[in-house]
Amino acid sequence: MTISDDTVAIVGIGNIGSTLAANFAAGGQDFLLAGRDQEATRKLASSLDGHAEAVSIDEAIERADVLVFAVWLDAFRELIAQYGERLAGKVIVDPSNPVGPDGAGGYHKVIGEQESSGQILAGLLPAGARLVKAFGTLSLPTLSAAAWREPERAVQFYAADDAAAGDLVADLIRADGFEPVRVGGLDQSIRIEMFGDLHE
């Protein structure tokens, strides 16, 4: 595996999850892949050159050291509520953007203007779980098209309070085909979420 001996899982196989899965596989990163639709999860995993193992969400939570929750904010909250203490000791990666459709073809924030989903989710996690904000700064087309750009890699920002957890996720960002740049602690999450000054 690319990042030491830690087991990585992507939970969610929507646009972000499936794009990350393709990028990880291209970078030689082995990982578990979990989604609510197990047949679709197996199909996606089988297309990734042996780098992904399709598992249930329960099994991903059980086995993984690093969990990328590629889901909407409400679903993320539900997963934390459901799994609670089983997330203790794990690195939780949050790509979520706290937005919803505005009815006019755009998006609006679904939390307070000065709030970030990174800080909200970190406050919901059990003691010992370490949240890192990453993978949600780039638009989906860029996340796909800009990976592995040479000779100069595109940048992907991340925010982390815990240095060791941040270093793990920086390695994952490299496995995703980008150059990691830490913007600071989770109090900087708002800058790399949609409508933040560092969001694409």
Protein backbone atom coordinates (compact mmCIF):
# COMPACT_ATOMS: atom_id res chain seq x y z
CA MET A 1 0.00 0.00 0.00
CA THR A 2 1.08 3.55 -0.56
CA ILE A 3 0.59 4.90 2.98
CA SER A 4 2.55 2.73 5.39
CA ASP A 5 0.53 -0.23 6.70
CA ASP A 6 -2.67 1.68 7.40
CA THR A 7 -5.85 0.30 5.88
CA VAL A 8 -7.74 2.95 3.90
CA ALA A 9 -11.46 2.87 3.08
CA ILE A 10 -13.66 5.03 0.90
CA VAL A 11 -17.27 5.04 2.13
CA GLY A 12 -19.60 6.29 -0.58
CA ILE A 13 -19.48 5.62 -4.33
CA GLY A 14 -21.14 8.75 -5.66
CA ASN A 15 -19.32 11.31 -7.80
CA ILE A 16 -16.58 12.13 -5.29
CA GLY A 17 -16.12 8.57 -3.99
CA SER A 18 -15.90 6.99 -7.43
CA THR A 19 -13.48 9.67 -8.69
CA LEU A 20 -11.24 9.26 -5.64
CA ALA A 21 -11.36 5.49 -6.11
CA ALA A 22 -10.19 5.80 -9.73
CA ASN A 23 -7.40 8.21 -8.75
CA PHE A 24 -6.23 6.02 -5.85
CA ALA A 25 -6.12 2.97 -8.12
CA ALA A 26 -4.11 4.93 -10.70
CA GLY A 27 -1.67 5.82 -7.92
CA GLY A 28 -1.28 2.22 -6.77
CA GLN A 29 -3.13 2.81 -3.47
CA ASP A 30 -4.98 -0.26 -2.17
CA PHE A 31 -8.22 0.43 -0.32
CA LEU A 32 -11.56 -0.88 0.85
CA LEU A 33 -14.62 0.42 -0.97
CA ALA A 34 -18.05 0.55 0.65
CA GLY A 35 -21.42 1.92 -0.38
CA ARG A 36 -25.10 1.41 0.38
CA ASP A 37 -25.63 -0.31 -3.00
CA GLN A 38 -23.41 -3.37 -2.62
CA GLU A 39 -23.84 -4.55 -6.22
CA ALA A 40 -22.77 -1.15 -7.60
CA THR A 41 -19.86 -1.14 -5.13
CA ARG A 42 -18.68 -4.57 -6.32
CA LYS A 43 -18.95 -3.46 -9.94
CA LEU A 44 -16.87 -0.33 -9.33
CA ALA A 45 -14.27 -2.23 -7.29
CA SER A 46 -13.87 -4.84 -10.03
CA SER A 47 -12.95 -2.10 -12.52
CA LEU A 48 -10.00 -0.82 -10.45
CA ASP A 49 -7.20 -3.26 -11.35
CA GLY A 50 -7.27 -5.16 -8.08
CA HIS A 51 -6.63 -2.10 -5.88
CA ALA A 52 -10.13 -1.99 -4.34
CA GLU A 53 -11.88 -4.58 -2.19
CA ALA A 54 -15.67 -4.19 -2.03
CA VAL A 55 -16.94 -4.50 1.55
CA SER A 56 -20.00 -3.54 3.58
CA ILE A 57 -19.98 -0.21 5.41
CA ASP A 58 -19.85 -2.18 8.69
CA GLU A 59 -16.72 -4.01 7.54
CA ALA A 60 -15.08 -0.81 6.30
CA ILE A 61 -15.62 0.82 9.71
CA GLU A 62 -14.26 -2.27 11.44
CA ARG A 63 -11.12 -2.77 9.34
CA ALA A 64 -9.98 0.66 8.21
CA ASP A 65 -7.53 2.93 10.01
CA VAL A 66 -8.31 5.83 7.65
CA LEU A 67 -11.90 6.39 6.51
CA VAL A 68 -12.80 8.79 3.70
CA PHE A 69 -16.52 9.53 4.08
CA ALA A 70 -17.42 10.63 0.54
CA VAL A 71 -21.03 11.45 1.43
CA TRP A 72 -23.28 14.48 1.91
CA LEU A 73 -23.13 16.30 5.26
CA ASP A 74 -26.41 14.85 6.58
CA ALA A 75 -25.32 11.30 5.70
CA PHE A 76 -21.96 11.96 7.39
CA ARG A 77 -23.77 13.01 10.58
CA GLU A 78 -25.89 9.84 10.41
CA LEU A 79 -22.79 7.65 10.05
CA ILE A 80 -21.19 9.28 13.11
CA ALA A 81 -24.41 8.80 15.08
CA GLN A 82 -24.68 5.17 13.97
CA TYR A 83 -21.08 4.08 14.53
CA GLY A 84 -20.11 6.38 17.40
CA GLU A 85 -17.39 4.81 19.53
CA ARG A 86 -16.37 2.43 16.72
CA LEU A 87 -14.76 5.48 15.08
CA ALA A 88 -12.47 6.15 18.04
CA GLY A 89 -8.78 5.84 17.16
CA LYS A 90 -9.41 6.28 13.43
CA VAL A 91 -8.50 9.07 11.04
CA ILE A 92 -11.71 10.41 9.48
CA VAL A 93 -11.39 12.33 6.21
CA ASP A 94 -14.09 14.88 5.42
CA PRO A 95 -14.52 16.02 1.80
CA SER A 96 -18.05 17.36 2.44
CA ASN A 97 -19.26 20.77 1.37
CA PRO A 98 -22.16 22.06 3.51
CA VAL A 99 -24.34 23.13 0.60
CA GLY A 100 -27.66 22.32 -1.02
CA PRO A 101 -29.47 23.41 -4.21
CA ASP A 102 -30.72 27.00 -4.07
CA GLY A 103 -33.59 26.41 -6.53
CA ALA A 104 -31.99 28.65 -9.15
CA GLY A 105 -29.39 26.25 -10.51
CA GLY A 106 -26.77 27.10 -7.89
CA TYR A 107 -25.96 26.25 -4.29
CA HIS A 108 -26.34 27.84 -0.89
CA LYS A 109 -24.85 27.00 2.51
CA VAL A 110 -27.01 24.80 4.72
CA ILE A 111 -25.19 25.83 7.91
CA GLY A 112 -24.30 29.26 9.32
CA GLU A 113 -22.25 31.60 7.15
CA GLN A 114 -19.32 31.44 9.58
CA GLU A 115 -19.61 27.70 10.26
CA SER A 116 -17.66 24.90 8.58
CA SER A 117 -18.77 21.31 8.20
CA GLY A 118 -15.24 20.25 9.18
CA GLN A 119 -15.53 21.81 12.62
CA ILE A 120 -19.12 20.64 13.11
CA LEU A 121 -18.26 17.03 12.26
CA ALA A 122 -15.09 17.06 14.38
CA GLY A 123 -17.26 18.08 17.33
CA LEU A 124 -19.56 15.09 16.79
CA LEU A 125 -16.80 12.46 16.66
CA PRO A 126 -15.89 10.39 19.73
CA ALA A 127 -12.72 11.12 21.68
CA GLY A 128 -9.70 9.66 19.91
CA ALA A 129 -11.07 10.02 16.38
CA ARG A 130 -9.08 12.55 14.34
CA LEU A 131 -10.76 14.47 11.54
CA VAL A 132 -8.90 15.87 8.54
CA LYS A 133 -10.61 18.12 5.99
CA ALA A 134 -9.52 17.12 2.46
CA PHE A 135 -10.61 16.20 -1.07
CA GLY A 136 -13.54 18.63 -1.25
CA THR A 137 -11.78 21.75 -2.50
CA LEU A 138 -11.72 20.97 -6.23
CA SER A 139 -14.66 20.67 -8.57
CA LEU A 140 -15.40 17.15 -9.76
CA PRO A 141 -14.06 17.74 -13.31
CA THR A 142 -10.79 19.11 -11.88
CA LEU A 143 -10.48 16.29 -9.34
CA SER A 144 -10.61 13.89 -12.27
CA ALA A 145 -8.76 15.78 -15.00
CA ALA A 146 -5.98 17.43 -12.98
CA ALA A 147 -4.79 14.28 -11.19
CA TRP A 148 -1.26 13.20 -12.12
CA ARG A 149 -0.58 16.39 -14.05
CA GLU A 150 3.11 16.60 -14.95
CA PRO A 151 5.67 18.05 -14.59
CA GLU A 152 4.06 20.25 -11.91
CA ARG A 153 1.28 18.64 -9.91
CA ALA A 154 -1.92 20.52 -9.10
CA VAL A 155 -2.35 21.43 -5.44
CA GLN A 156 -4.93 20.02 -3.06
CA PHE A 157 -5.44 21.79 0.27
CA TYR A 158 -6.16 20.08 3.58
CA ALA A 159 -6.73 21.14 7.19
CA ALA A 160 -5.84 19.14 10.30
CA ASP A 161 -5.45 19.75 14.02
CA ASP A 162 -3.50 16.50 14.48
CA ALA A 163 -0.13 16.55 12.69
CA ALA A 164 0.20 12.76 12.35
CA ALA A 165 -3.30 12.43 10.93
CA GLY A 166 -2.57 15.30 8.56
CA ASP A 167 0.62 13.59 7.37
CA LEU A 168 -1.31 10.39 6.61
CA VAL A 169 -3.84 12.30 4.55
CA ALA A 170 -1.06 14.24 2.79
CA ASP A 171 0.26 10.87 1.61
CA LEU A 172 -3.23 9.98 0.40
CA ILE A 173 -3.42 13.26 -1.51
CA ARG A 174 -0.16 12.30 -3.23
CA ALA A 175 -1.68 8.88 -4.02
CA ASP A 176 -4.63 10.81 -5.49
CA GLY A 177 -2.24 12.49 -7.96
CA PHE A 178 -1.95 15.93 -6.31
CA GLU A 179 0.50 17.92 -4.20
CA PRO A 180 -0.76 18.39 -0.62
CA VAL A 181 -0.69 21.83 1.03
CA ARG A 182 -1.81 22.22 4.65
CA VAL A 183 -3.73 25.43 5.29
CA GLY A 184 -3.68 25.05 9.08
CA GLY A 185 -5.96 23.50 11.69
CA LEU A 186 -9.63 22.65 11.39
CA ASP A 187 -10.47 26.27 12.18
CA GLN A 188 -9.32 26.90 8.58
CA SER A 189 -11.75 24.32 7.12
CA ILE A 190 -14.13 27.06 6.03
CA ARG A 191 -11.48 28.36 3.62
CA ILE A 192 -11.40 25.11 1.63
CA GLU A 193 -15.14 24.43 1.64
CA MET A 194 -17.47 25.80 -1.02
CA PHE A 195 -17.62 29.62 -0.88
CA GLY A 196 -14.27 29.70 0.95
CA ASP A 197 -11.38 31.71 -0.50
CA LEU A 198 -9.34 28.58 -1.32
CA HIS A 199 -12.18 26.57 -2.87
CA GLU A 200 -12.08 26.22 -6.65
